[in-house]
Protein backbone atom coordinates (compact mmCIF):
# COMPACT_ATOMS: atom_id res chain seq x y z
CA UNK A 1 0.06 -0.07 -0.21
CA UNK A 2 1.44 3.33 -1.34
CA UNK A 3 2.09 6.03 1.56
CA UNK A 4 0.05 9.53 0.81
CA UNK A 5 2.44 11.78 -0.33
CA UNK A 6 3.07 14.77 1.96
CA UNK A 7 2.45 18.32 1.03
CA UNK A 8 4.67 21.32 1.32
CA UNK A 9 2.80 22.27 4.42
CA UNK A 10 3.02 19.22 5.78
CA UNK A 11 5.43 18.45 8.29
CA UNK A 12 8.20 15.91 6.67
CA UNK A 13 9.20 12.90 8.49
CA UNK A 14 10.71 9.15 7.32
CA UNK A 15 12.34 6.39 9.06
CA UNK A 16 16.25 5.96 9.45
CA UNK A 17 17.19 3.07 6.54
CA UNK A 18 20.07 0.64 8.24
CA UNK A 19 22.34 2.17 5.26
CA UNK A 20 21.60 5.26 6.88
CA UNK A 21 22.61 3.89 10.46
CA UNK A 22 25.95 2.88 8.99
CA UNK A 23 26.79 6.11 8.08
CA UNK A 24 25.80 7.47 11.72
CA UNK A 25 27.98 5.28 13.11
CA UNK A 26 30.83 6.18 11.47
CA UNK A 27 30.34 9.68 12.85
CA UNK A 28 32.25 12.68 11.50
CA UNK A 29 28.99 13.35 9.69
CA UNK A 30 29.98 16.96 8.52
CA UNK A 31 33.70 16.09 7.84
CA UNK A 32 34.95 12.64 6.38
CA UNK A 33 31.19 11.37 5.90
CA UNK A 34 29.64 14.11 3.87
CA UNK A 35 29.49 14.72 0.32
CA UNK A 36 30.42 18.01 -1.46
CA UNK A 37 29.40 19.81 -4.68
CA UNK A 38 31.49 23.15 -6.15
CA UNK A 39 29.83 25.25 -8.28
CA UNK A 40 31.89 28.01 -9.86
CA UNK A 41 30.29 30.91 -11.23
CA UNK A 42 30.62 34.92 -11.49
CA UNK A 43 29.52 37.28 -8.73
CA UNK A 44 28.88 36.40 -4.87
CA UNK A 45 25.41 36.22 -3.62
CA UNK A 46 24.37 38.89 -0.81
CA UNK A 47 24.32 36.97 2.37
CA UNK A 48 20.93 37.71 2.72
CA UNK A 49 19.51 36.67 -0.58
CA UNK A 50 21.59 33.14 -0.46
CA UNK A 51 19.73 32.67 3.19
CA UNK A 52 16.40 32.91 2.09
CA UNK A 53 17.15 30.57 -1.07
CA UNK A 54 18.22 27.99 1.64
CA UNK A 55 15.12 28.48 3.25
CA UNK A 56 12.68 28.11 0.34
CA UNK A 57 14.70 25.14 -0.66
CA UNK A 58 14.46 23.55 2.44
CA UNK A 59 10.95 23.48 1.86
CA UNK A 60 11.04 21.90 -1.40
CA UNK A 61 13.79 19.43 -0.19
CA UNK A 62 13.05 18.78 3.45
CA UNK A 63 16.23 16.50 3.71
CA UNK A 64 18.50 18.85 3.69
CA UNK A 65 17.12 19.86 7.34
CA UNK A 66 16.56 16.67 8.90
CA UNK A 67 16.94 15.67 12.72
CA UNK A 68 16.90 12.38 14.23
CA UNK A 69 14.70 11.50 16.94
CA UNK A 70 14.66 7.83 17.85
CA UNK A 71 13.93 5.44 14.44
CA UNK A 72 12.88 8.57 12.54
CA UNK A 73 13.91 11.85 10.56
CA UNK A 74 12.10 14.76 11.33
CA UNK A 75 12.46 18.09 8.92
CA UNK A 76 12.56 20.21 11.71
CA UNK A 77 16.35 20.98 12.14
CA UNK A 78 18.14 23.86 11.63
CA UNK A 79 18.64 25.50 8.45
CA UNK A 80 21.65 24.90 5.97
CA UNK A 81 24.30 27.26 7.98
CA UNK A 82 26.46 29.47 5.79
CA UNK A 83 30.09 30.04 5.92
CA UNK A 84 32.30 32.56 4.04
CA UNK A 85 36.39 31.96 3.56
CA UNK A 86 38.72 34.65 4.45
CA UNK A 87 41.01 36.45 1.79
CA UNK A 88 43.97 34.54 2.06
CA UNK A 89 42.19 30.71 2.15
CA UNK A 90 40.32 32.31 -1.06
CA UNK A 91 43.67 33.15 -2.72
CA UNK A 92 44.99 29.79 -2.24
CA UNK A 93 41.77 27.75 -2.71
CA UNK A 94 42.85 24.16 -4.17
CA UNK A 95 41.31 21.12 -3.38
CA UNK A 96 44.51 19.21 -3.72
CA UNK A 97 46.13 20.93 -0.37
CA UNK A 98 45.80 20.41 3.09
CA UNK A 99 44.92 23.79 4.14
CA UNK A 100 41.62 23.66 1.61
CA UNK A 101 40.81 20.57 3.29
CA UNK A 102 40.72 21.92 6.46
CA UNK A 103 38.63 24.95 5.24
CA UNK A 104 35.93 22.56 3.95
CA UNK A 105 35.82 20.83 7.06
CA UNK A 106 35.39 24.04 9.13
CA UNK A 107 35.10 24.08 12.63
CA UNK A 108 32.94 20.42 12.31
CA UNK A 109 33.35 18.34 15.05
CA UNK A 110 33.26 14.37 14.87
CA UNK A 111 30.24 14.20 17.29
CA UNK A 112 28.25 16.94 15.41
CA UNK A 113 24.90 15.53 14.18
CA UNK A 114 24.41 15.44 10.56
CA UNK A 115 23.48 18.58 8.03
CA UNK A 116 24.31 20.73 5.53
CA UNK A 117 25.41 23.44 4.49
CA UNK A 118 27.14 26.22 1.99
CA UNK A 119 30.82 27.75 1.96
CA UNK A 120 31.35 30.72 -0.14
CA UNK A 121 34.73 31.07 -1.77
CA UNK A 122 34.88 34.69 -3.22
CA UNK A 123 36.68 35.43 -6.42
CA UNK A 124 38.87 38.00 -7.76
CA UNK A 125 37.62 40.23 -9.98
CA UNK A 126 39.12 40.11 -13.81
CA UNK A 127 41.58 43.40 -13.99
CA UNK A 128 41.18 45.88 -16.72
CA UNK A 129 43.25 46.14 -19.72
CA UNK A 130 44.85 48.96 -18.05
CA UNK A 131 46.20 47.62 -15.07
CA UNK A 132 49.09 45.51 -16.15
CA UNK A 133 51.00 42.67 -14.22
CA UNK A 134 47.89 42.13 -11.98
CA UNK A 135 46.78 38.92 -11.06
CA UNK A 136 44.37 37.11 -13.00
CA UNK A 137 40.64 36.70 -12.00
CA UNK A 138 39.19 34.14 -10.47
CA UNK A 139 35.54 32.73 -10.17
CA UNK A 140 33.57 32.28 -7.24
CA UNK A 141 33.26 29.10 -5.78
CA UNK A 142 29.77 27.31 -4.04
CA UNK A 143 30.84 24.56 -1.72
CA UNK A 144 27.64 22.59 -0.98
CA UNK A 145 28.31 20.19 1.61
CA UNK A 146 25.61 17.26 2.59
CA UNK A 147 26.11 14.62 5.25
CA UNK A 148 25.63 11.36 3.85
CA UNK A 149 23.39 10.12 6.43
CA UNK A 150 20.60 12.42 4.90
CA UNK A 151 21.17 12.09 1.06
CA UNK A 152 23.09 10.36 -1.65
CA UNK A 153 24.59 11.98 -4.12
CA UNK A 154 21.67 12.15 -6.45
CA UNK A 155 19.73 13.83 -3.81
CA UNK A 156 22.40 16.47 -2.88
CA UNK A 157 22.03 17.72 -6.67
CA UNK A 158 18.16 18.00 -6.05
CA UNK A 159 19.14 20.20 -3.30
CA UNK A 160 22.01 22.44 -4.99
CA UNK A 161 19.36 22.85 -8.03
CA UNK A 162 16.52 23.80 -5.76
CA UNK A 163 18.81 26.52 -3.86
CA UNK A 164 19.55 27.60 -7.65
CA UNK A 165 15.90 27.80 -8.42
CA UNK A 166 15.37 30.16 -5.50
CA UNK A 167 18.11 32.29 -6.22
CA UNK A 168 16.70 32.71 -9.87
CA UNK A 169 13.17 33.07 -8.52
CA UNK A 170 12.00 29.94 -10.42
CA UNK A 171 9.22 27.74 -9.42
CA UNK A 172 10.45 25.16 -7.21
CA UNK A 173 9.75 21.42 -7.42
CA UNK A 174 9.44 19.69 -3.93
CA UNK A 175 11.20 16.31 -3.53
CA UNK A 176 8.81 15.29 -0.87
CA UNK A 177 8.75 11.54 -1.22
CA UNK A 178 9.44 9.72 2.15
CA UNK A 179 10.73 6.56 0.60
CA UNK A 180 14.17 5.00 1.91
CA UNK A 181 16.66 2.86 0.13
CA UNK A 182 15.01 -0.02 1.64
CA UNK A 183 11.20 0.25 1.31
CA UNK A 184 12.22 1.38 -2.44
CA UNK A 185 14.03 -2.15 -2.62
CA UNK A 186 11.09 -4.00 -0.89
CA UNK A 187 8.22 -2.38 -2.96
CA UNK A 188 10.26 -2.98 -6.34
CA UNK A 189 10.72 -6.94 -5.26
CA UNK A 190 7.34 -7.56 -4.23
CA UNK A 191 6.13 -8.73 -7.82
CA UNK A 192 5.53 -11.83 -8.84
CA UNK A 193 8.25 -11.62 -11.39
CA UNK A 194 11.63 -9.80 -11.21
CA UNK A 195 11.94 -7.42 -14.02
CA UNK A 196 14.64 -8.51 -16.82
CA UNK A 197 17.89 -6.37 -16.85
CA UNK A 198 19.09 -7.14 -20.52
CA UNK A 199 21.83 -4.98 -21.58
CA UNK A 200 20.59 -1.78 -23.39
CA UNK A 201 24.42 -0.98 -25.03
CA UNK A 202 26.10 -3.07 -27.40
CA UNK A 203 29.53 -4.25 -25.71
CA UNK A 204 32.77 -2.62 -26.62
CA UNK A 205 34.37 -5.50 -27.26
CA UNK A 206 32.24 -7.23 -29.28
CA UNK A 207 30.52 -10.79 -29.67
CA UNK A 208 32.27 -13.75 -28.02
CA UNK A 209 34.11 -15.84 -30.30
CA UNK A 210 33.46 -19.76 -30.11
CA UNK A 211 36.06 -21.78 -28.71
CA UNK A 212 38.78 -22.87 -31.14
CA UNK A 213 38.51 -26.57 -31.57
CA UNK A 214 41.41 -29.05 -30.29
CA UNK A 215 43.38 -30.26 -33.46
CA UNK A 216 44.83 -33.38 -31.22
CA UNK A 217 41.77 -34.09 -29.94
CA UNK A 218 40.25 -34.01 -33.58
CA UNK A 219 42.89 -36.81 -34.67
CA UNK A 220 43.45 -38.45 -31.84
CA UNK A 221 41.23 -38.44 -28.43
CA UNK A 222 43.48 -40.26 -26.54
CA UNK A 223 46.12 -37.91 -26.91
CA UNK A 224 43.85 -35.09 -25.88
CA UNK A 225 44.74 -32.99 -22.56
CA UNK A 226 41.27 -33.58 -21.42
CA UNK A 227 41.61 -37.16 -21.81
CA UNK A 228 39.79 -39.64 -24.24
CA UNK A 229 36.24 -38.61 -22.63
CA UNK A 230 36.69 -34.87 -22.99
CA UNK A 231 36.15 -32.50 -20.04
CA UNK A 232 34.44 -33.58 -16.92
CA UNK A 233 30.68 -33.12 -16.94
CA UNK A 234 29.21 -30.72 -14.55
CA UNK A 235 27.50 -32.73 -11.59
CA UNK A 236 29.81 -35.46 -11.26
CA UNK A 237 33.04 -36.36 -9.60
CA UNK A 238 35.91 -37.54 -11.54
CA UNK A 239 37.26 -38.93 -8.79
CA UNK A 240 34.50 -41.70 -8.22
CA UNK A 241 34.78 -42.66 -12.08
CA UNK A 242 31.12 -41.51 -12.75
CA UNK A 243 32.05 -39.37 -15.55
CA UNK A 244 32.94 -42.64 -17.87
CA UNK A 245 30.32 -44.11 -19.83
CA UNK A 246 28.94 -46.93 -18.40
CA UNK A 247 29.43 -46.32 -14.90
CA UNK A 248 26.71 -44.74 -12.51
CA UNK A 249 27.70 -42.33 -9.78
CA UNK A 250 29.30 -43.48 -6.96
CA UNK A 251 31.23 -46.72 -8.31
CA UNK A 252 34.73 -46.17 -8.50
CA UNK A 253 36.45 -46.65 -11.94
CA UNK A 254 37.61 -50.04 -12.48
CA UNK A 255 41.54 -50.45 -12.63
CA UNK A 256 43.41 -51.23 -15.88
CA UNK A 257 44.35 -54.97 -16.42
CA UNK A 258 47.60 -56.13 -14.73
CA UNK A 259 49.98 -57.77 -17.43
CA UNK A 260 51.69 -60.81 -16.50
CA UNK A 261 55.19 -61.89 -17.64
CA UNK A 262 56.89 -58.70 -17.73
CA UNK A 263 57.15 -55.79 -15.17
CA UNK A 264 55.04 -52.59 -16.16
CA UNK A 265 57.05 -49.32 -16.19
CA UNK A 266 56.79 -46.78 -13.28
CA UNK A 267 54.14 -44.49 -15.76
CA UNK A 268 51.74 -47.33 -15.94
CA UNK A 269 52.15 -48.76 -12.88
CA UNK A 270 49.14 -49.26 -10.41
CA UNK A 271 49.02 -48.63 -7.01
CA UNK A 272 48.25 -51.93 -5.15
CA UNK A 273 45.29 -51.34 -2.14
CA UNK A 274 46.49 -51.28 1.18
CA UNK A 275 45.04 -53.63 3.71
CA UNK A 276 42.14 -52.56 5.64
CA UNK A 277 42.56 -51.87 9.29
CA UNK A 278 39.33 -52.79 11.71
CA UNK A 279 37.69 -49.71 13.54
CA UNK A 280 37.03 -51.58 16.54
CA UNK A 281 40.59 -52.15 17.39
CA UNK A 282 42.68 -48.68 18.11
CA UNK A 283 45.81 -48.64 16.43
CA UNK A 284 49.10 -49.34 18.60
CA UNK A 285 51.25 -46.54 19.64
CA UNK A 286 54.74 -46.42 18.15
CA UNK A 287 56.62 -46.36 21.54
CA UNK A 288 54.23 -49.60 22.83
CA UNK A 289 56.49 -52.00 20.89
CA UNK A 290 55.28 -55.59 19.85
CA UNK A 291 52.25 -56.96 21.42
CA UNK A 292 52.80 -60.50 23.49
CA UNK A 293 50.72 -62.95 24.26
CA UNK A 294 49.79 -63.80 28.13
């Protein structure tokens, strides 16, 4: 039975899935366990305008302000916070350096609850043609950070798009589905037959070629490396001789006939069976010595 879709005025909530519990157990939700999306552009949005866009996007995508209470997420957490990089950090912004990594983490602690935030890295204006020798301009970078316990990569992109829709004044596209990954998989697998997943693109390697024939086996099957009877059939045990014609499963293969009057070579020698020992008699200890009669 499908759950009703909540409206924009409805208080959003959904259960915490097992996958999200794994990310919560890893801690550092705003540091190592966070997704980050970088968007470059011209100009710097005003702080009041950016915060208003984040508040409007939180109404359309409530996953950006979730707070956990017991087994449920509730969309009544704090709004995504906004941070601004200073001039020195903005000038040396490079995701390959340790200083930029520390800037991305910010003041987050390992035990902080999951959440979302936006880091604004202001760029430098492009110098005019009259300013000779001036440093080239750089573009502004907005770093959207999302705890992986709240969203996956696709959900984070939906949130980022809603923020820019709010900045442009476009109509929102709400994402209010209360589904979790576990609920979605259970609903898809509830049918009688699972949908087939045929490949919809041709393989870049082409079609598989047929296995080449064995020229040795074609001329003389006895000289084939697989033996005169070919490869063992699946589901049979070659050690029991059940892969040979005329022998049922579980029957040992008969030993080759012994030739009298001459000695066989080592390659054709047949190992003699060892005498069986009665299981009701314990084996003598090596240090006990020969047994004497009373």
